[in-house]
């Protein structure tokens, strides 16, 4: 089943309320926690260092969007949980941009579940006051980067990122768009990539799966 998110919509997972946001993040109502995945900060700087012209504004755009989410009065955020690939590669100018952002948001608790791109030294994460985990068990949920990673617990539902899920949506005149989406299966859910400078992986949901499309 494919549904469309206009601004936000609520879903019930394991009897608890989550708010899906069109900015490609999830608000966990009970915990007052904002969940997102695959921001890939530093990817623009990585490409620029390789001589590929990429607008530096992309890094600012993701942080501006994050600020907007944190400042929504109807969804008070006490902690930010990132399900992997917060950063993209080695230290570059984009990290300086985030350091300035962190100074302005020093009271925000940030937890990072390490993804395959999160390769900074422990020193860098400590300086940014980011807590590092391989997974987080939160009530009835396992927060992890890749649904294939070990960490299953009976009766718990996995929430992850990693694959940047998207679906192809077709119009009446044979137009086709590839749009990011939230995916919810029987045992796990996958968040879309929050970062703007990321690719997408087209998925084919099963009959009993539920997909929420964003970006339309």
N, C-alpha and C. Protein backbone atom coordinates (compact mmCIF):
# COMPACT_ATOMS: atom_id res chain seq x y z
N UNK A 1 0.85 -1.19 0.00
CA UNK A 1 0.00 0.00 0.00
C UNK A 1 0.89 1.25 0.00
N UNK A 2 0.62 2.17 -0.90
CA UNK A 2 1.40 3.40 -1.00
C UNK A 2 0.51 4.59 -0.62
N UNK A 3 0.99 5.40 0.32
CA UNK A 3 0.28 6.59 0.75
C UNK A 3 1.19 7.80 0.56
N UNK A 4 0.62 8.98 0.60
CA UNK A 4 1.38 10.21 0.38
C UNK A 4 1.34 11.08 1.64
N UNK A 5 2.50 11.59 2.05
CA UNK A 5 2.58 12.52 3.16
C UNK A 5 2.58 13.94 2.61
N UNK A 6 1.65 14.74 3.05
CA UNK A 6 1.63 16.15 2.65
C UNK A 6 2.51 16.98 3.57
N UNK A 7 2.21 16.96 4.86
CA UNK A 7 3.03 17.65 5.85
C UNK A 7 3.50 16.67 6.92
N UNK A 8 2.54 15.98 7.51
CA UNK A 8 2.87 14.97 8.51
C UNK A 8 1.70 14.00 8.61
N UNK A 9 2.00 12.83 9.14
CA UNK A 9 0.95 11.84 9.36
C UNK A 9 1.37 10.93 10.49
N UNK A 10 0.41 10.46 11.26
CA UNK A 10 0.73 9.59 12.39
C UNK A 10 0.60 8.12 12.00
N UNK A 11 1.50 7.31 12.53
CA UNK A 11 1.42 5.85 12.36
C UNK A 11 1.55 5.22 13.74
N UNK A 12 0.99 4.04 13.87
CA UNK A 12 1.08 3.29 15.12
C UNK A 12 2.00 2.10 14.89
N UNK A 13 3.07 2.03 15.65
CA UNK A 13 4.01 0.92 15.60
C UNK A 13 4.10 0.31 16.99
N UNK A 14 3.83 -0.97 17.09
CA UNK A 14 3.88 -1.65 18.38
C UNK A 14 3.04 -0.93 19.43
N UNK A 15 1.92 -0.36 18.99
CA UNK A 15 1.00 0.31 19.90
C UNK A 15 1.42 1.71 20.29
N UNK A 16 2.49 2.24 19.70
CA UNK A 16 2.95 3.57 20.05
C UNK A 16 2.87 4.51 18.85
N UNK A 17 2.71 5.80 19.15
CA UNK A 17 2.48 6.80 18.10
C UNK A 17 3.81 7.40 17.62
N UNK A 18 3.95 7.42 16.30
CA UNK A 18 5.06 8.10 15.65
C UNK A 18 4.47 9.07 14.62
N UNK A 19 5.11 10.21 14.45
CA UNK A 19 4.67 11.18 13.45
C UNK A 19 5.68 11.22 12.32
N UNK A 20 5.24 10.84 11.12
CA UNK A 20 6.10 10.91 9.95
C UNK A 20 6.06 12.32 9.40
N UNK A 21 7.22 12.88 9.11
CA UNK A 21 7.32 14.25 8.66
C UNK A 21 7.75 14.31 7.21
N UNK A 22 7.20 15.25 6.47
CA UNK A 22 7.52 15.36 5.05
C UNK A 22 8.98 15.74 4.82
N UNK A 23 9.65 16.23 5.87
CA UNK A 23 11.08 16.56 5.75
C UNK A 23 11.95 15.31 5.87
N UNK A 24 11.34 14.13 5.85
CA UNK A 24 12.04 12.84 5.85
C UNK A 24 12.65 12.50 7.21
N UNK A 25 11.87 12.75 8.25
CA UNK A 25 12.25 12.40 9.61
C UNK A 25 11.02 11.86 10.33
N UNK A 26 11.27 11.22 11.47
CA UNK A 26 10.18 10.68 12.29
C UNK A 26 10.27 11.28 13.69
N UNK A 27 9.12 11.64 14.22
CA UNK A 27 9.04 12.10 15.61
C UNK A 27 8.42 11.00 16.45
N UNK A 28 9.18 10.56 17.46
CA UNK A 28 8.69 9.52 18.39
C UNK A 28 8.02 10.24 19.54
N UNK A 29 6.69 10.28 19.52
CA UNK A 29 5.93 11.12 20.43
C UNK A 29 6.21 10.84 21.90
N UNK A 30 6.25 9.57 22.27
CA UNK A 30 6.43 9.20 23.67
C UNK A 30 7.77 9.68 24.22
N UNK A 31 8.81 9.61 23.41
CA UNK A 31 10.16 9.94 23.86
C UNK A 31 10.57 11.37 23.54
N UNK A 32 9.71 12.10 22.83
CA UNK A 32 10.05 13.45 22.37
C UNK A 32 11.39 13.44 21.64
N UNK A 33 11.53 12.44 20.78
CA UNK A 33 12.78 12.23 20.06
C UNK A 33 12.55 12.38 18.56
N UNK A 34 13.50 13.04 17.89
CA UNK A 34 13.46 13.18 16.45
C UNK A 34 14.44 12.16 15.86
N UNK A 35 13.93 11.32 14.97
CA UNK A 35 14.74 10.28 14.34
C UNK A 35 14.94 10.61 12.87
N UNK A 36 16.18 10.47 12.41
CA UNK A 36 16.46 10.64 10.99
C UNK A 36 17.67 9.79 10.63
N UNK A 37 17.91 9.64 9.33
CA UNK A 37 19.01 8.78 8.90
C UNK A 37 19.67 9.33 7.65
N UNK A 38 20.92 8.97 7.47
CA UNK A 38 21.64 9.23 6.22
C UNK A 38 21.62 10.70 5.81
N UNK A 39 22.17 11.52 6.69
CA UNK A 39 22.31 12.94 6.37
C UNK A 39 23.50 13.16 5.42
N UNK A 40 24.54 12.40 5.65
CA UNK A 40 25.74 12.45 4.81
C UNK A 40 26.35 13.85 4.75
N UNK A 41 26.43 14.50 5.92
CA UNK A 41 27.13 15.78 5.98
C UNK A 41 28.58 15.56 5.57
N UNK A 42 29.10 16.47 4.81
CA UNK A 42 30.47 16.36 4.33
C UNK A 42 30.59 15.75 2.95
N UNK A 43 29.49 15.26 2.41
CA UNK A 43 29.57 14.67 1.08
C UNK A 43 29.85 15.74 0.03
N UNK A 44 29.26 16.91 0.21
CA UNK A 44 29.52 17.98 -0.76
C UNK A 44 31.00 18.38 -0.70
N UNK A 45 31.55 18.49 0.52
CA UNK A 45 32.96 18.82 0.65
C UNK A 45 33.85 17.73 0.09
N UNK A 46 33.44 16.49 0.25
CA UNK A 46 34.20 15.35 -0.29
C UNK A 46 34.30 15.46 -1.81
N UNK A 47 33.21 15.81 -2.45
CA UNK A 47 33.22 15.95 -3.91
C UNK A 47 34.03 17.17 -4.34
N UNK A 48 33.90 18.26 -3.60
CA UNK A 48 34.66 19.46 -3.96
C UNK A 48 36.16 19.21 -3.84
N UNK A 49 36.55 18.46 -2.81
CA UNK A 49 37.97 18.14 -2.64
C UNK A 49 38.49 17.28 -3.80
N UNK A 50 37.58 16.53 -4.42
CA UNK A 50 37.96 15.70 -5.56
C UNK A 50 37.90 16.46 -6.88
N UNK A 51 37.62 17.78 -6.81
CA UNK A 51 37.58 18.60 -8.00
C UNK A 51 36.26 18.60 -8.72
N UNK A 52 35.22 18.06 -8.09
CA UNK A 52 33.88 18.03 -8.70
C UNK A 52 33.08 19.20 -8.14
N UNK A 53 32.63 20.12 -8.98
CA UNK A 53 31.92 21.32 -8.48
C UNK A 53 30.54 20.98 -7.92
N UNK A 54 30.41 21.12 -6.62
CA UNK A 54 29.13 20.87 -5.94
C UNK A 54 28.85 22.08 -5.06
N UNK A 55 27.65 22.65 -5.11
CA UNK A 55 27.34 23.84 -4.31
C UNK A 55 27.50 23.58 -2.81
N UNK A 56 28.26 24.43 -2.15
CA UNK A 56 28.44 24.31 -0.70
C UNK A 56 27.13 24.54 0.04
N UNK A 57 26.18 25.21 -0.61
CA UNK A 57 24.91 25.54 0.04
C UNK A 57 24.12 24.29 0.42
N UNK A 58 24.42 23.15 -0.20
CA UNK A 58 23.68 21.93 0.12
C UNK A 58 23.86 21.53 1.57
N UNK A 59 25.07 21.71 2.09
CA UNK A 59 25.31 21.38 3.50
C UNK A 59 24.51 22.31 4.41
N UNK A 60 24.46 23.59 4.07
CA UNK A 60 23.66 24.53 4.85
C UNK A 60 22.17 24.17 4.78
N UNK A 61 21.71 23.74 3.61
CA UNK A 61 20.28 23.45 3.42
C UNK A 61 19.81 22.36 4.35
N UNK A 62 20.61 21.31 4.52
CA UNK A 62 20.21 20.22 5.41
C UNK A 62 20.13 20.70 6.86
N UNK A 63 21.07 21.53 7.28
CA UNK A 63 21.05 22.03 8.66
C UNK A 63 19.92 23.04 8.87
N UNK A 64 19.60 23.81 7.85
CA UNK A 64 18.46 24.72 7.96
C UNK A 64 17.17 23.92 8.13
N UNK A 65 17.03 22.85 7.35
CA UNK A 65 15.85 21.99 7.48
C UNK A 65 15.79 21.37 8.87
N UNK A 66 16.94 20.95 9.40
CA UNK A 66 16.98 20.39 10.75
C UNK A 66 16.57 21.43 11.78
N UNK A 67 17.04 22.65 11.62
CA UNK A 67 16.63 23.73 12.52
C UNK A 67 15.11 23.92 12.52
N UNK A 68 14.52 23.87 11.35
CA UNK A 68 13.07 24.04 11.24
C UNK A 68 12.33 22.95 12.00
N UNK A 69 12.83 21.73 11.92
CA UNK A 69 12.20 20.63 12.65
C UNK A 69 12.34 20.80 14.16
N UNK A 70 13.51 21.24 14.59
CA UNK A 70 13.76 21.40 16.02
C UNK A 70 12.96 22.55 16.62
N UNK A 71 12.54 23.49 15.79
CA UNK A 71 11.84 24.67 16.28
C UNK A 71 10.33 24.59 16.12
N UNK A 72 9.83 23.42 15.74
CA UNK A 72 8.38 23.26 15.65
C UNK A 72 7.79 23.17 17.05
N UNK A 73 6.96 24.13 17.41
CA UNK A 73 6.43 24.18 18.77
C UNK A 73 5.50 23.02 19.10
N UNK A 74 4.86 22.45 18.08
CA UNK A 74 3.91 21.36 18.34
C UNK A 74 4.60 20.02 18.52
N UNK A 75 5.91 19.97 18.22
CA UNK A 75 6.67 18.72 18.37
C UNK A 75 7.95 19.01 19.14
N UNK A 76 7.87 19.12 20.46
CA UNK A 76 9.06 19.45 21.25
C UNK A 76 10.10 18.33 21.20
N UNK A 77 11.32 18.68 20.84
CA UNK A 77 12.38 17.68 20.68
C UNK A 77 13.36 17.77 21.84
N UNK A 78 13.54 16.66 22.57
CA UNK A 78 14.50 16.60 23.66
C UNK A 78 15.79 15.90 23.24
N UNK A 79 15.73 15.07 22.19
CA UNK A 79 16.95 14.43 21.71
C UNK A 79 16.81 14.09 20.23
N UNK A 80 17.95 14.12 19.57
CA UNK A 80 18.04 13.79 18.15
C UNK A 80 18.77 12.45 18.02
N UNK A 81 18.13 11.49 17.37
CA UNK A 81 18.74 10.18 17.16
C UNK A 81 18.94 9.98 15.67
N UNK A 82 20.20 9.78 15.28
CA UNK A 82 20.53 9.63 13.87
C UNK A 82 20.88 8.17 13.61
N UNK A 83 20.17 7.55 12.69
CA UNK A 83 20.32 6.11 12.44
C UNK A 83 21.40 5.82 11.41
N UNK A 84 22.55 6.43 11.61
CA UNK A 84 23.70 6.11 10.78
C UNK A 84 23.94 7.06 9.63
N UNK A 85 25.21 7.10 9.22
CA UNK A 85 25.68 7.95 8.11
C UNK A 85 25.32 9.41 8.32
N UNK A 86 25.61 9.88 9.53
CA UNK A 86 25.46 11.31 9.83
C UNK A 86 26.47 12.08 8.97
N UNK A 87 27.72 11.61 9.01
CA UNK A 87 28.78 12.21 8.20
C UNK A 87 29.12 11.27 7.05
N UNK A 88 29.74 11.81 6.04
CA UNK A 88 29.96 11.00 4.84
C UNK A 88 31.38 10.46 4.72
N UNK A 89 32.36 11.24 5.09
CA UNK A 89 33.74 10.82 4.83
C UNK A 89 34.65 11.49 5.85
N UNK A 90 35.90 11.74 5.46
CA UNK A 90 36.86 12.36 6.35
C UNK A 90 36.52 13.82 6.60
N UNK A 91 37.23 14.38 7.56
CA UNK A 91 36.98 15.78 7.94
C UNK A 91 37.23 16.71 6.75
N UNK A 92 36.30 17.65 6.54
CA UNK A 92 36.47 18.67 5.51
C UNK A 92 35.73 19.93 5.94
N UNK A 93 35.60 20.87 5.03
CA UNK A 93 35.02 22.17 5.39
C UNK A 93 33.59 22.03 5.92
N UNK A 94 32.84 21.06 5.43
CA UNK A 94 31.47 20.89 5.89
C UNK A 94 31.40 20.60 7.38
N UNK A 95 32.44 19.95 7.90
CA UNK A 95 32.48 19.69 9.34
C UNK A 95 32.56 21.00 10.11
N UNK A 96 33.29 21.98 9.57
CA UNK A 96 33.36 23.30 10.23
C UNK A 96 31.97 23.93 10.29
N UNK A 97 31.20 23.75 9.22
CA UNK A 97 29.84 24.28 9.20
C UNK A 97 29.02 23.66 10.33
N UNK A 98 29.15 22.35 10.49
CA UNK A 98 28.39 21.67 11.55
C UNK A 98 28.87 22.09 12.93
N UNK A 99 30.17 22.30 13.10
CA UNK A 99 30.68 22.72 14.40
C UNK A 99 30.04 24.04 14.84
N UNK A 100 29.88 24.96 13.90
CA UNK A 100 29.22 26.23 14.23
C UNK A 100 27.76 26.00 14.57
N UNK A 101 27.11 25.10 13.84
CA UNK A 101 25.71 24.77 14.13
C UNK A 101 25.58 24.17 15.52
N UNK A 102 26.53 23.29 15.87
CA UNK A 102 26.48 22.62 17.17
C UNK A 102 26.62 23.61 18.31
N UNK A 103 27.44 24.62 18.14
CA UNK A 103 27.61 25.63 19.18
C UNK A 103 26.29 26.33 19.48
N UNK A 104 25.49 26.54 18.45
CA UNK A 104 24.20 27.20 18.62
C UNK A 104 23.14 26.26 19.18
N UNK A 105 23.40 24.96 19.11
CA UNK A 105 22.44 23.95 19.57
C UNK A 105 23.10 23.02 20.59
N UNK A 106 23.89 23.62 21.49
CA UNK A 106 24.70 22.82 22.42
C UNK A 106 23.86 22.10 23.47
N UNK A 107 22.61 22.52 23.67
CA UNK A 107 21.77 21.87 24.68
C UNK A 107 21.06 20.62 24.14
N UNK A 108 21.13 20.41 22.84
CA UNK A 108 20.44 19.28 22.22
C UNK A 108 21.24 18.00 22.44
N UNK A 109 20.60 16.98 22.96
CA UNK A 109 21.23 15.67 23.09
C UNK A 109 21.22 14.97 21.73
N UNK A 110 22.39 14.54 21.28
CA UNK A 110 22.49 13.86 19.99
C UNK A 110 23.07 12.47 20.18
N UNK A 111 22.37 11.48 19.67
CA UNK A 111 22.83 10.09 19.69
C UNK A 111 22.99 9.62 18.24
N UNK A 112 24.15 9.06 17.95
CA UNK A 112 24.43 8.56 16.60
C UNK A 112 24.65 7.06 16.64
N UNK A 113 23.86 6.33 15.87
CA UNK A 113 24.08 4.91 15.65
C UNK A 113 24.99 4.81 14.43
N UNK A 114 26.19 4.36 14.62
CA UNK A 114 27.21 4.45 13.57
C UNK A 114 26.81 3.68 12.32
N UNK A 115 26.97 4.35 11.19
CA UNK A 115 26.77 3.72 9.90
C UNK A 115 28.10 3.45 9.22
N UNK A 116 28.05 2.90 8.05
CA UNK A 116 29.27 2.55 7.35
C UNK A 116 30.10 3.75 6.92
N UNK A 117 29.48 4.94 6.85
CA UNK A 117 30.22 6.14 6.47
C UNK A 117 30.73 6.93 7.67
N UNK A 118 30.33 6.56 8.86
CA UNK A 118 30.72 7.31 10.06
C UNK A 118 32.09 6.83 10.54
N UNK A 119 33.14 7.46 10.00
CA UNK A 119 34.50 6.96 10.22
C UNK A 119 35.37 7.95 10.99
N UNK A 120 34.78 8.98 11.57
CA UNK A 120 35.57 9.91 12.36
C UNK A 120 36.15 9.21 13.59
N UNK A 121 37.21 9.78 14.11
CA UNK A 121 37.78 9.26 15.35
C UNK A 121 36.87 9.61 16.52
N UNK A 122 37.06 8.88 17.61
CA UNK A 122 36.27 9.13 18.82
C UNK A 122 36.47 10.57 19.29
N UNK A 123 37.65 11.11 19.08
CA UNK A 123 37.96 12.48 19.48
C UNK A 123 37.00 13.48 18.84
N UNK A 124 36.70 13.30 17.54
CA UNK A 124 35.83 14.22 16.83
C UNK A 124 34.41 14.15 17.39
N UNK A 125 33.90 12.94 17.58
CA UNK A 125 32.55 12.81 18.11
C UNK A 125 32.45 13.40 19.52
N UNK A 126 33.47 13.17 20.33
CA UNK A 126 33.47 13.73 21.69
C UNK A 126 33.46 15.25 21.65
N UNK A 127 34.24 15.83 20.74
CA UNK A 127 34.30 17.29 20.66
C UNK A 127 32.97 17.88 20.24
N UNK A 128 32.18 17.11 19.51
CA UNK A 128 30.86 17.56 19.05
C UNK A 128 29.74 17.17 20.01
N UNK A 129 30.12 16.52 21.11
CA UNK A 129 29.16 16.05 22.12
C UNK A 129 28.09 15.16 21.49
N UNK A 130 28.58 14.19 20.72
CA UNK A 130 27.70 13.20 20.09
C UNK A 130 27.96 11.84 20.71
N UNK A 131 26.90 11.23 21.25
CA UNK A 131 27.02 9.89 21.82
C UNK A 131 26.98 8.85 20.69
N UNK A 132 27.86 7.86 20.77
CA UNK A 132 28.01 6.88 19.70
C UNK A 132 27.54 5.50 20.16
N UNK A 133 26.75 4.83 19.30
CA UNK A 133 26.24 3.49 19.60
C UNK A 133 26.28 2.64 18.34
N UNK A 134 26.28 1.33 18.54
CA UNK A 134 26.10 0.40 17.42
C UNK A 134 24.62 0.17 17.17
N UNK A 135 23.84 0.20 18.23
CA UNK A 135 22.37 0.15 18.15
C UNK A 135 21.83 0.69 19.45
N UNK A 136 20.57 1.06 19.42
CA UNK A 136 19.89 1.54 20.63
C UNK A 136 18.58 0.78 20.77
N UNK A 137 18.36 0.20 21.94
CA UNK A 137 17.08 -0.45 22.24
C UNK A 137 16.25 0.56 23.03
N UNK A 138 15.14 0.96 22.45
CA UNK A 138 14.29 1.99 23.04
C UNK A 138 12.87 1.45 23.12
N UNK A 139 12.46 1.10 24.34
CA UNK A 139 11.15 0.49 24.54
C UNK A 139 11.01 -0.77 23.69
N UNK A 140 10.08 -0.80 22.75
CA UNK A 140 9.85 -2.00 21.94
C UNK A 140 10.56 -1.94 20.59
N UNK A 141 11.55 -1.03 20.49
CA UNK A 141 12.17 -0.78 19.19
C UNK A 141 13.68 -0.94 19.25
N UNK A 142 14.24 -1.44 18.15
CA UNK A 142 15.68 -1.51 17.97
C UNK A 142 16.04 -0.49 16.91
N UNK A 143 16.80 0.51 17.29
CA UNK A 143 17.23 1.55 16.35
C UNK A 143 18.62 1.16 15.87
N UNK A 144 18.76 1.00 14.56
CA UNK A 144 19.98 0.45 13.99
C UNK A 144 20.18 1.05 12.60
N UNK A 145 21.36 0.94 12.05
CA UNK A 145 21.60 1.54 10.74
C UNK A 145 21.03 0.70 9.60
N UNK A 146 21.36 -0.57 9.59
CA UNK A 146 20.97 -1.47 8.50
C UNK A 146 20.12 -2.60 9.07
N UNK A 147 18.97 -2.85 8.46
CA UNK A 147 18.09 -3.89 9.00
C UNK A 147 18.74 -5.27 8.98
N UNK A 148 19.79 -5.43 8.17
CA UNK A 148 20.48 -6.71 8.10
C UNK A 148 21.51 -6.88 9.22
N UNK A 149 21.82 -5.80 9.93
CA UNK A 149 22.79 -5.89 11.01
C UNK A 149 22.23 -6.73 12.15
N UNK A 150 23.13 -7.41 12.85
CA UNK A 150 22.71 -8.23 13.98
C UNK A 150 22.18 -7.33 15.09
N UNK A 151 21.24 -7.86 15.85
CA UNK A 151 20.66 -7.10 16.95
C UNK A 151 19.19 -7.39 17.14
N UNK A 152 18.70 -8.50 16.57
CA UNK A 152 17.29 -8.85 16.71
C UNK A 152 16.96 -9.25 18.14
N UNK A 153 15.83 -8.79 18.61
CA UNK A 153 15.31 -9.16 19.93
C UNK A 153 13.85 -9.53 19.74
N UNK A 154 13.44 -10.68 20.24
CA UNK A 154 12.06 -11.14 20.08
C UNK A 154 11.08 -10.07 20.58
N UNK A 155 10.07 -9.81 19.75
CA UNK A 155 9.04 -8.86 20.13
C UNK A 155 9.38 -7.41 19.86
N UNK A 156 10.59 -7.14 19.37
CA UNK A 156 11.00 -5.77 19.07
C UNK A 156 10.95 -5.51 17.56
N UNK A 157 10.72 -4.24 17.22
CA UNK A 157 10.61 -3.82 15.83
C UNK A 157 11.82 -2.97 15.48
N UNK A 158 12.48 -3.29 14.38
CA UNK A 158 13.64 -2.54 13.95
C UNK A 158 13.24 -1.28 13.18
N UNK A 159 13.92 -0.19 13.48
CA UNK A 159 13.80 1.03 12.69
C UNK A 159 15.22 1.39 12.23
N UNK A 160 15.40 1.60 10.93
CA UNK A 160 16.75 1.76 10.40
C UNK A 160 16.75 2.71 9.21
N UNK A 161 17.91 2.80 8.56
CA UNK A 161 18.07 3.62 7.37
C UNK A 161 18.88 2.85 6.34
N UNK A 162 19.97 3.44 5.89
CA UNK A 162 20.99 2.82 5.07
C UNK A 162 20.69 2.75 3.57
N UNK A 163 19.51 2.26 3.17
CA UNK A 163 19.33 1.99 1.74
C UNK A 163 18.69 3.15 0.97
N UNK A 164 18.29 4.23 1.65
CA UNK A 164 17.69 5.39 0.99
C UNK A 164 16.47 4.96 0.14
N UNK A 165 15.44 4.40 0.77
CA UNK A 165 14.32 3.85 0.00
C UNK A 165 13.56 4.88 -0.81
N UNK A 166 13.10 4.46 -1.98
CA UNK A 166 12.31 5.32 -2.87
C UNK A 166 11.41 4.43 -3.71
N UNK A 167 10.37 5.02 -4.27
CA UNK A 167 9.47 4.29 -5.17
C UNK A 167 9.29 5.10 -6.45
N UNK A 168 8.92 4.41 -7.51
CA UNK A 168 8.59 5.06 -8.78
C UNK A 168 7.09 5.31 -8.81
N UNK A 169 6.73 6.56 -9.05
CA UNK A 169 5.32 6.95 -9.12
C UNK A 169 5.04 7.38 -10.56
N UNK A 170 3.96 6.82 -11.13
CA UNK A 170 3.66 7.05 -12.54
C UNK A 170 2.41 7.91 -12.68
N UNK A 171 2.45 8.87 -13.62
CA UNK A 171 1.31 9.73 -13.90
C UNK A 171 0.50 9.21 -15.08
N UNK A 172 -0.54 9.94 -15.43
CA UNK A 172 -1.44 9.50 -16.50
C UNK A 172 -0.77 9.57 -17.87
N UNK A 173 0.14 10.49 -18.05
CA UNK A 173 0.78 10.66 -19.36
C UNK A 173 2.12 9.98 -19.45
N UNK A 174 2.28 8.86 -18.77
CA UNK A 174 3.52 8.09 -18.73
C UNK A 174 4.67 8.81 -18.04
N UNK A 175 4.34 9.91 -17.34
CA UNK A 175 5.38 10.55 -16.56
C UNK A 175 5.74 9.63 -15.39
N UNK A 176 6.99 9.70 -14.98
CA UNK A 176 7.44 8.88 -13.86
C UNK A 176 8.37 9.69 -12.98
N UNK A 177 8.18 9.58 -11.68
CA UNK A 177 9.04 10.25 -10.72
C UNK A 177 9.58 9.22 -9.74
N UNK A 178 10.82 9.40 -9.33
CA UNK A 178 11.39 8.60 -8.26
C UNK A 178 11.36 9.44 -7.00
N UNK A 179 10.61 8.99 -5.99
CA UNK A 179 10.39 9.79 -4.80
C UNK A 179 10.81 9.01 -3.55
N UNK A 180 11.47 9.70 -2.61
CA UNK A 180 11.85 9.03 -1.36
C UNK A 180 10.63 8.61 -0.56
N UNK A 181 10.81 7.62 0.29
CA UNK A 181 9.66 7.11 1.03
C UNK A 181 10.07 6.50 2.36
N UNK A 182 9.11 6.43 3.25
CA UNK A 182 9.22 5.62 4.46
C UNK A 182 8.66 4.24 4.12
N UNK A 183 9.34 3.20 4.57
CA UNK A 183 8.89 1.83 4.32
C UNK A 183 8.62 1.15 5.66
N UNK A 184 7.48 0.46 5.75
CA UNK A 184 7.16 -0.29 6.96
C UNK A 184 6.73 -1.70 6.58
N UNK A 185 7.56 -2.67 6.97
CA UNK A 185 7.24 -4.07 6.77
C UNK A 185 6.81 -4.69 8.08
N UNK A 186 6.73 -6.00 8.09
CA UNK A 186 6.25 -6.71 9.28
C UNK A 186 7.22 -6.61 10.45
N UNK A 187 8.52 -6.67 10.17
CA UNK A 187 9.50 -6.73 11.26
C UNK A 187 10.41 -5.51 11.33
N UNK A 188 10.40 -4.65 10.32
CA UNK A 188 11.28 -3.48 10.35
C UNK A 188 10.73 -2.36 9.47
N UNK A 189 11.15 -1.13 9.81
CA UNK A 189 10.82 0.04 9.01
C UNK A 189 12.10 0.74 8.59
N UNK A 190 12.07 1.40 7.44
CA UNK A 190 13.25 2.07 6.90
C UNK A 190 12.93 3.54 6.63
N UNK A 191 13.79 4.42 7.12
CA UNK A 191 13.62 5.85 6.89
C UNK A 191 14.27 6.25 5.57
N UNK A 192 13.71 7.26 4.91
CA UNK A 192 14.38 7.82 3.73
C UNK A 192 15.64 8.58 4.15
N UNK A 193 16.53 8.82 3.22
CA UNK A 193 17.72 9.62 3.51
C UNK A 193 17.30 11.07 3.76
N UNK A 194 17.77 11.63 4.87
CA UNK A 194 17.43 13.02 5.19
C UNK A 194 18.22 13.99 4.31
N UNK A 195 19.46 13.65 4.01
CA UNK A 195 20.31 14.55 3.23
C UNK A 195 19.81 14.73 1.81
N UNK A 196 19.99 15.93 1.29
CA UNK A 196 19.54 16.23 -0.07
C UNK A 196 20.49 15.71 -1.13
N UNK A 197 21.75 15.58 -0.76
CA UNK A 197 22.76 15.17 -1.73
C UNK A 197 23.05 13.67 -1.57
N UNK A 198 22.00 12.87 -1.76
CA UNK A 198 22.11 11.42 -1.63
C UNK A 198 21.35 10.77 -2.79
N UNK A 199 21.71 9.56 -3.10
CA UNK A 199 20.96 8.80 -4.10
C UNK A 199 19.78 8.08 -3.47
N UNK A 200 19.03 7.39 -4.29
CA UNK A 200 17.88 6.62 -3.82
C UNK A 200 17.94 5.20 -4.34
N UNK A 201 17.37 4.30 -3.58
CA UNK A 201 17.28 2.90 -3.99
C UNK A 201 15.80 2.55 -4.15
N UNK A 202 15.40 2.24 -5.35
CA UNK A 202 13.99 1.92 -5.61
C UNK A 202 13.65 0.56 -4.99
N UNK A 203 12.59 0.56 -4.20
CA UNK A 203 12.14 -0.67 -3.56
C UNK A 203 10.83 -1.12 -4.18
N UNK A 204 10.52 -2.39 -4.00
CA UNK A 204 9.25 -2.95 -4.46
C UNK A 204 8.53 -3.53 -3.26
N UNK A 205 7.65 -2.74 -2.65
CA UNK A 205 6.98 -3.20 -1.43
C UNK A 205 6.10 -4.41 -1.68
N UNK A 206 6.03 -5.26 -0.67
CA UNK A 206 5.17 -6.43 -0.74
C UNK A 206 3.71 -6.07 -0.50
N UNK A 207 2.86 -7.03 -0.65
CA UNK A 207 1.42 -6.80 -0.55
C UNK A 207 1.01 -6.26 0.81
N UNK A 208 1.67 -6.70 1.87
CA UNK A 208 1.31 -6.29 3.22
C UNK A 208 2.18 -5.15 3.76
N UNK A 209 3.10 -4.66 2.95
CA UNK A 209 3.95 -3.55 3.37
C UNK A 209 3.22 -2.22 3.16
N UNK A 210 3.65 -1.22 3.93
CA UNK A 210 3.06 0.12 3.82
C UNK A 210 4.19 1.10 3.51
N UNK A 211 3.97 1.94 2.51
CA UNK A 211 4.95 2.92 2.08
C UNK A 211 4.32 4.32 2.11
N UNK A 212 5.05 5.26 2.67
CA UNK A 212 4.60 6.66 2.71
C UNK A 212 5.57 7.47 1.86
N UNK A 213 5.06 8.08 0.80
CA UNK A 213 5.89 8.82 -0.15
C UNK A 213 5.98 10.28 0.27
N UNK A 214 7.17 10.86 0.14
CA UNK A 214 7.35 12.29 0.41
C UNK A 214 7.89 12.97 -0.84
N UNK A 215 7.74 14.28 -0.89
CA UNK A 215 8.30 15.03 -2.01
C UNK A 215 7.33 15.30 -3.13
N UNK A 216 6.01 15.13 -2.88
CA UNK A 216 5.02 15.41 -3.92
C UNK A 216 4.09 16.52 -3.44
